[in-house]
Amino acid sequence: MKTKFILCAAMATLIVVSCGSSENQSGSSSSEELVDVTEQQKPKLMVVPSDQLLNQFNMLKQENAQGKTLLIRDYNGYLLADANSKFIISSIQDAFIKFGFPLNDFEQTLKSINDQDMIDEVDGIKKDAKTMLLTTAKPDVILELDYNLRENMESRGVDKMLTYSIRAIDAFSNKVVAAIQEADYGKNTPVNSAEKLMADALDVQGANFTKQIGNYFNDIIDNGRTITVRVTIENDANLAMSDECLDSDTYTDFLIDYVKKNAYKGAYTLTRNTETELYFTNVQIPTLNEDGTQFSAYDFARAMSKALNKGCGMKSKNRTQGLGDALISIKGM
């Protein structure tokens, strides 16, 4: 039976869809030239159908719940409804593997996620489809696919033409870092399969596209990547951000000082400051841990929550779900 999963709230079941670093060394007597490994690092990618593509196959729905519009993305239903989906996604994956990028397989990631995990609440916070997909695969960059395959009427319906767009999106910040698009590709070629048209198009467009992705990833290796950090006080905690912490600072001051000290190169913006919430945007964090593994919003929030508990003698919990949105709730003393 086809199951569904809700974005931003659950009413659903199964639907979803680094690089090591090394110090540069040099040796004058070695016959093999050593290079800086960071120059060779490439982000982990995953191809994901766009909302427009889901909607084209009636696999994107909207529902209202408590005054909010919820999106329901049925990724598994899409794979079944679009006969070309697996082939065209596979052709994109193959192209980027040839370019040397590590990839997460979209379909296999869907299969790896347990049905029950997606409908369970996590400490009162629902999981959404896209969050589950990304936190399971942990890609650095999403390749968001939209396409339309239609007959080339000039060939009397024998050959096909492909209109497509692929957007490279930072999985942490949702920032579009590169994009390619083309209309009626293959119009003058005797090709009638979506995967072959897509592969041929990437042979032409891929080099510049991957260069843009690589340049962006090199930049965030050097300068960190952007996340949001939100700290809230639970309703029954009987606390306020202006209350004093153990060292006479207020909770607000303690938290701001922590972000200021631990944000990569001190980069952050305090967007909201109330008695019950602090909200930071543009918080720069390291892209990688010292061992070369991916550093995420969850890692930042975990350390921040521990520091808050120890420094202010309170109970807080790391409720982070997504890759790029840290969430900590203060439960009380």
Protein backbone atom coordinates (compact mmCIF):
# COMPACT_ATOMS: atom_id res chain seq x y z
CA MET A 1 0.00 0.00 0.00
CA LYS A 2 1.36 3.42 -0.92
CA THR A 3 2.24 5.43 2.14
CA LYS A 4 2.65 9.13 2.57
CA PHE A 5 4.64 11.50 4.69
CA ILE A 6 4.03 15.14 5.64
CA LEU A 7 6.44 18.03 5.40
CA CYS A 8 6.62 20.08 8.62
CA ALA A 9 4.26 17.77 10.46
CA ALA A 10 3.58 14.11 10.41
CA MET A 11 0.50 12.52 9.04
CA ALA A 12 2.56 10.18 7.03
CA THR A 13 4.54 7.06 6.52
CA LEU A 14 7.16 6.08 4.00
CA ILE A 15 7.89 8.84 1.56
CA VAL A 16 11.21 10.47 1.42
CA VAL A 17 13.85 10.63 -0.77
CA SER A 18 33.63 13.99 3.25
CA CYS A 19 35.91 14.29 2.73
CA GLY A 20 39.05 13.77 4.64
CA SER A 21 41.38 16.65 5.11
CA SER A 22 45.10 16.52 5.30
CA GLU A 23 47.83 19.01 5.86
CA ASN A 24 49.79 19.93 2.78
CA GLN A 25 53.27 18.50 2.82
CA SER A 26 56.18 18.99 0.49
CA GLY A 27 59.28 16.99 -0.15
CA SER A 28 62.16 18.09 -2.31
CA SER A 29 63.59 14.62 -2.92
CA SER A 30 60.38 12.77 -3.75
CA SER A 31 59.68 11.92 -7.38
CA GLU A 32 55.92 12.12 -6.68
CA GLU A 33 54.53 15.62 -6.31
CA LEU A 34 52.39 16.01 -3.20
CA VAL A 35 49.35 18.28 -3.35
CA ASP A 36 47.02 19.91 -0.88
CA VAL A 37 44.25 17.39 -0.27
CA THR A 38 41.66 20.15 0.33
CA GLU A 39 42.01 21.03 -3.34
CA GLN A 40 40.84 17.52 -4.20
CA GLN A 41 37.93 17.36 -1.79
CA LYS A 42 34.53 17.19 -3.38
CA PRO A 43 31.11 17.48 -1.76
CA LYS A 44 28.81 14.52 -1.38
CA LEU A 45 25.84 14.88 -3.73
CA MET A 46 22.32 13.48 -3.98
CA VAL A 47 19.82 13.83 -6.84
CA VAL A 48 16.33 14.74 -5.60
CA PRO A 49 13.21 15.44 -7.69
CA SER A 50 12.00 19.02 -7.38
CA ASP A 51 8.63 19.99 -5.96
CA GLN A 52 7.61 21.02 -9.47
CA LEU A 53 8.39 17.54 -10.74
CA LEU A 54 6.46 15.91 -7.90
CA ASN A 55 3.53 18.18 -8.62
CA GLN A 56 3.64 17.25 -12.31
CA PHE A 57 2.90 13.65 -11.29
CA ASN A 58 0.41 14.62 -8.55
CA MET A 59 2.83 13.58 -5.83
CA LEU A 60 2.89 16.95 -4.04
CA LYS A 61 -0.14 17.81 -1.93
CA GLN A 62 -1.06 20.61 0.44
CA GLU A 63 -2.97 20.26 3.67
CA ASN A 64 -3.87 22.74 6.38
CA ALA A 65 -3.17 21.94 10.00
CA GLN A 66 -3.51 24.40 12.86
CA GLY A 67 -3.45 27.33 10.48
CA LYS A 68 -0.33 26.20 8.63
CA THR A 69 0.00 24.91 5.09
CA LEU A 70 1.74 21.56 5.05
CA LEU A 71 3.38 20.02 2.00
CA ILE A 72 3.11 16.27 1.51
CA ARG A 73 5.89 14.93 -0.68
CA ASP A 74 5.33 11.39 -1.91
CA TYR A 75 8.76 10.46 -3.21
CA ASN A 76 8.08 6.73 -3.47
CA GLY A 77 4.85 7.40 -5.30
CA TYR A 78 6.74 9.58 -7.75
CA LEU A 79 9.23 6.82 -8.57
CA LEU A 80 6.31 4.54 -9.38
CA ALA A 81 4.37 7.14 -11.37
CA ASP A 82 7.21 8.41 -13.57
CA ALA A 83 8.44 5.60 -15.79
CA ASN A 84 11.58 7.59 -16.67
CA SER A 85 12.47 8.67 -13.13
CA LYS A 86 14.87 5.90 -12.18
CA PHE A 87 16.66 6.04 -15.52
CA ILE A 88 17.14 9.79 -15.65
CA ILE A 89 18.22 10.01 -11.99
CA SER A 90 20.65 7.15 -12.59
CA SER A 91 22.11 8.89 -15.65
CA ILE A 92 22.74 12.04 -13.59
CA GLN A 93 24.35 10.00 -10.83
CA ASP A 94 26.57 8.19 -13.31
CA ALA A 95 27.66 11.49 -14.86
CA PHE A 96 28.71 12.98 -11.54
CA ILE A 97 30.48 9.80 -10.50
CA LYS A 98 32.54 10.15 -13.68
CA PHE A 99 33.33 13.71 -12.60
CA GLY A 100 34.69 12.24 -9.37
CA PHE A 101 31.92 13.23 -6.93
CA PRO A 102 30.73 10.90 -4.16
CA LEU A 103 26.98 10.34 -4.37
CA ASN A 104 24.11 9.07 -2.25
CA ASP A 105 21.66 6.98 -4.25
CA PHE A 106 18.18 8.52 -3.98
CA GLU A 107 16.19 5.29 -4.24
CA GLN A 108 18.43 3.34 -1.87
CA THR A 109 18.22 6.13 0.68
CA LEU A 110 14.44 5.88 0.57
CA LYS A 111 14.62 2.15 1.17
CA SER A 112 17.00 2.56 4.10
CA ILE A 113 14.62 4.67 6.13
CA ASN A 114 12.38 2.70 8.47
CA ASP A 115 8.66 3.39 8.18
CA GLN A 116 8.15 3.71 11.90
CA ASP A 117 11.03 6.15 12.35
CA MET A 118 9.32 8.60 10.02
CA ILE A 119 5.96 8.65 11.76
CA ASP A 120 7.31 8.70 15.31
CA GLU A 121 7.50 11.95 17.19
CA VAL A 122 10.89 12.96 18.52
CA ASP A 123 10.31 14.62 21.88
CA GLY A 124 7.14 16.20 20.55
CA ILE A 125 8.69 17.40 17.29
CA LYS A 126 7.52 15.76 14.08
CA LYS A 127 9.93 14.66 11.37
CA ASP A 128 9.29 15.76 7.81
CA ALA A 129 10.04 13.89 4.61
CA LYS A 130 12.85 16.00 3.27
CA THR A 131 14.51 16.31 6.67
CA MET A 132 14.49 12.53 7.07
CA LEU A 133 15.94 12.12 3.59
CA LEU A 134 18.78 14.58 4.16
CA THR A 135 19.66 13.57 7.71
CA THR A 136 19.84 9.94 6.61
CA ALA A 137 22.05 10.55 3.56
CA LYS A 138 23.85 13.68 4.84
CA PRO A 139 24.70 15.13 1.42
CA ASP A 140 26.60 18.39 1.20
CA VAL A 141 24.77 19.45 -1.95
CA ILE A 142 21.39 18.47 -3.40
CA LEU A 143 21.01 18.21 -7.16
CA GLU A 144 17.37 19.24 -7.56
CA LEU A 145 15.97 17.86 -10.82
CA ASP A 146 13.10 19.15 -12.90
CA TYR A 147 12.49 17.89 -16.41
CA ASN A 148 9.96 17.32 -19.14
CA LEU A 149 10.32 14.79 -21.96
CA ARG A 150 8.16 15.26 -25.03
CA GLU A 151 7.94 14.12 -28.60
CA ASN A 152 9.73 15.95 -31.36
CA MET A 153 6.88 16.47 -33.78
CA GLU A 154 9.31 17.24 -36.60
CA SER A 155 10.42 13.62 -36.41
CA ARG A 156 6.79 12.47 -36.61
CA GLY A 157 6.81 11.50 -32.95
CA VAL A 158 9.73 9.07 -33.17
CA ASP A 159 12.39 11.14 -31.41
CA LYS A 160 12.15 12.98 -28.09
CA MET A 161 13.26 16.34 -26.73
CA LEU A 162 14.31 17.08 -23.15
CA THR A 163 13.71 20.29 -21.26
CA TYR A 164 15.48 20.18 -17.92
CA SER A 165 16.95 22.13 -15.05
CA ILE A 166 19.30 20.97 -12.32
CA ARG A 167 19.96 23.23 -9.35
CA ALA A 168 22.81 22.55 -6.96
CA ILE A 169 21.56 23.51 -3.49
CA ASP A 170 23.54 23.59 -0.25
CA ALA A 171 21.76 20.99 1.90
CA PHE A 172 22.51 23.03 5.04
CA SER A 173 21.50 26.54 4.04
CA ASN A 174 19.24 25.88 1.00
CA LYS A 175 21.41 28.30 -0.95
CA VAL A 176 21.48 27.70 -4.72
CA VAL A 177 25.16 27.46 -5.61
CA ALA A 178 24.98 26.47 -9.28
CA ALA A 179 22.36 25.77 -11.93
CA ILE A 180 22.02 24.53 -15.49
CA GLN A 181 18.95 24.44 -17.68
CA GLU A 182 18.14 23.83 -21.31
CA ALA A 183 15.00 23.69 -23.42
CA ASP A 184 14.29 21.13 -26.15
CA TYR A 185 17.66 19.42 -25.88
CA GLY A 186 18.05 16.71 -28.54
CA LYS A 187 15.69 18.36 -31.00
CA ASN A 188 18.06 17.70 -33.85
CA THR A 189 19.34 14.30 -32.72
CA PRO A 190 17.77 10.86 -33.28
CA VAL A 191 17.55 9.99 -29.59
CA ASN A 192 14.36 8.89 -27.84
CA SER A 193 15.39 7.95 -24.30
CA ALA A 194 15.38 10.35 -21.35
CA GLU A 195 18.51 8.90 -19.79
CA LYS A 196 20.55 9.17 -23.00
CA LEU A 197 19.43 12.75 -23.59
CA MET A 198 20.29 13.65 -19.99
CA ALA A 199 23.69 11.97 -20.20
CA ASP A 200 24.50 13.72 -23.48
CA ALA A 201 23.42 17.09 -22.07
CA LEU A 202 25.68 16.67 -19.04
CA ASP A 203 28.59 15.74 -21.29
CA VAL A 204 28.25 19.26 -22.68
CA GLN A 205 27.15 21.24 -19.61
CA GLY A 206 28.68 19.21 -16.81
CA ALA A 207 32.22 20.57 -16.70
CA ASN A 208 31.26 24.17 -15.97
CA PHE A 209 28.46 23.09 -13.62
CA THR A 210 30.75 20.88 -11.54
CA LYS A 211 33.37 23.63 -11.47
CA GLN A 212 30.83 25.98 -9.85
CA ILE A 213 29.96 23.33 -7.26
CA GLY A 214 33.63 22.65 -6.57
CA ASN A 215 34.44 26.34 -6.15
CA TYR A 216 31.59 26.74 -3.69
CA PHE A 217 32.68 23.74 -1.65
CA ASN A 218 36.28 24.97 -1.55
CA ASP A 219 34.95 28.29 -0.23
CA ILE A 220 33.00 26.70 2.61
CA ILE A 221 35.99 24.51 3.47
CA ASP A 222 37.95 27.73 3.98
CA ASN A 223 35.23 29.91 5.51
CA GLY A 224 32.72 27.52 7.06
CA ARG A 225 29.09 26.94 6.17
CA THR A 226 25.98 28.77 7.35
CA ILE A 227 23.35 27.44 9.76
CA THR A 228 20.65 28.87 12.02
CA VAL A 229 20.61 28.42 15.79
CA ARG A 230 17.41 28.74 17.81
CA VAL A 231 17.21 28.48 21.61
CA THR A 232 13.75 28.44 23.22
CA ILE A 233 12.40 28.19 26.76
CA GLU A 234 9.65 25.61 27.20
CA ASN A 235 6.29 26.90 28.42
CA ASP A 236 6.42 25.19 31.81
CA ALA A 237 10.07 26.01 32.56
CA ASN A 238 9.26 29.13 34.62
CA LEU A 239 12.37 30.90 33.32
CA ALA A 240 13.18 33.95 31.21
CA MET A 241 16.20 34.74 29.07
CA SER A 242 16.85 37.80 31.25
CA ASP A 243 17.24 35.63 34.37
CA GLU A 244 20.72 35.30 35.79
CA CYS A 245 22.92 32.33 35.01
CA LEU A 246 25.18 30.89 37.73
CA ASP A 247 28.05 33.24 36.90
CA SER A 248 25.81 36.34 37.13
CA ASP A 249 25.43 36.66 33.34
CA THR A 250 21.92 36.41 32.01
CA TYR A 251 21.01 33.40 29.91
CA THR A 252 20.91 35.75 26.93
CA ASP A 253 24.46 36.97 27.54
CA PHE A 254 25.74 33.44 28.12
CA LEU A 255 24.25 32.19 24.85
CA ILE A 256 25.38 35.16 22.78
CA ASP A 257 28.90 34.84 24.17
CA TYR A 258 28.91 31.13 23.33
CA VAL A 259 27.88 31.70 19.71
CA LYS A 260 30.33 34.60 19.37
CA LYS A 261 33.17 32.43 20.65
CA ASN A 262 32.32 29.23 18.78
CA ALA A 263 30.96 30.44 15.44
CA TYR A 264 33.58 29.89 12.77
CA LYS A 265 35.65 33.09 12.55
CA GLY A 266 33.07 34.70 14.87
CA ALA A 267 30.47 35.13 12.12
CA TYR A 268 26.79 35.24 13.16
CA THR A 269 23.70 37.47 13.23
CA LEU A 270 21.33 37.75 16.19
CA THR A 271 17.93 38.03 14.53
CA ARG A 272 15.51 37.62 17.44
CA ASN A 273 16.01 38.30 21.16
CA THR A 274 13.00 37.86 23.46
CA GLU A 275 12.36 36.60 26.97
CA THR A 276 11.60 33.13 25.63
CA GLU A 277 13.76 32.79 22.52
CA LEU A 278 17.07 33.65 20.89
CA TYR A 279 17.38 33.14 17.16
CA PHE A 280 20.70 33.38 15.34
CA THR A 281 21.08 33.33 11.56
CA ASN A 282 24.16 33.22 9.34
CA VAL A 283 26.04 31.30 12.01
CA GLN A 284 29.21 30.03 10.40
CA ILE A 285 30.36 26.57 11.47
CA PRO A 286 33.29 24.46 10.28
CA THR A 287 32.45 22.28 7.31
CA LEU A 288 34.43 19.32 8.61
CA ASN A 289 35.51 17.87 11.94
CA GLU A 290 39.21 17.42 12.61
CA ASP A 291 38.94 13.81 11.45
CA GLY A 292 37.46 14.89 8.10
CA THR A 293 33.87 13.88 8.87
CA GLN A 294 30.96 16.23 8.26
CA PHE A 295 30.20 18.84 10.95
CA SER A 296 26.51 19.72 11.19
CA ALA A 297 24.05 21.91 13.06
CA TYR A 298 23.39 18.97 15.37
CA ASP A 299 27.06 18.89 16.40
CA PHE A 300 27.06 22.62 17.10
CA ALA A 301 23.83 22.39 19.14
CA ARG A 302 25.07 19.37 21.09
CA ALA A 303 28.16 21.23 22.30
CA MET A 304 26.12 24.37 22.99
CA SER A 305 23.54 22.46 25.03
CA LYS A 306 26.25 20.79 27.12
CA ALA A 307 27.89 24.16 27.77
CA LEU A 308 24.55 25.67 28.80
CA ASN A 309 23.78 22.82 31.18
CA LYS A 310 27.21 23.01 32.77
CA GLY A 311 27.63 26.78 32.76
CA CYS A 312 24.15 27.67 34.03
CA GLY A 313 23.19 24.55 35.97
CA MET A 314 20.06 23.94 33.92
CA LYS A 315 18.46 21.25 31.81
CA SER A 316 18.38 21.78 28.08
CA LYS A 317 17.90 19.41 25.19
CA ASN A 318 19.24 19.29 21.66
CA ARG A 319 16.17 18.92 19.43
CA THR A 320 17.96 19.49 16.13
CA GLN A 321 16.65 17.45 13.21
CA GLY A 322 17.85 19.06 10.00
CA LEU A 323 21.40 19.50 8.76
CA GLY A 324 21.37 23.28 8.91
CA ASP A 325 18.91 24.31 11.64
CA ALA A 326 20.04 23.91 15.24
CA LEU A 327 17.32 23.83 17.91
CA ILE A 328 17.81 23.75 21.68
CA SER A 329 14.97 23.84 24.19
CA ILE A 330 15.49 24.88 27.83
CA LYS A 331 13.47 22.63 30.14
CA GLY A 332 14.29 24.28 33.49
CA MET A 333 16.74 24.08 36.36
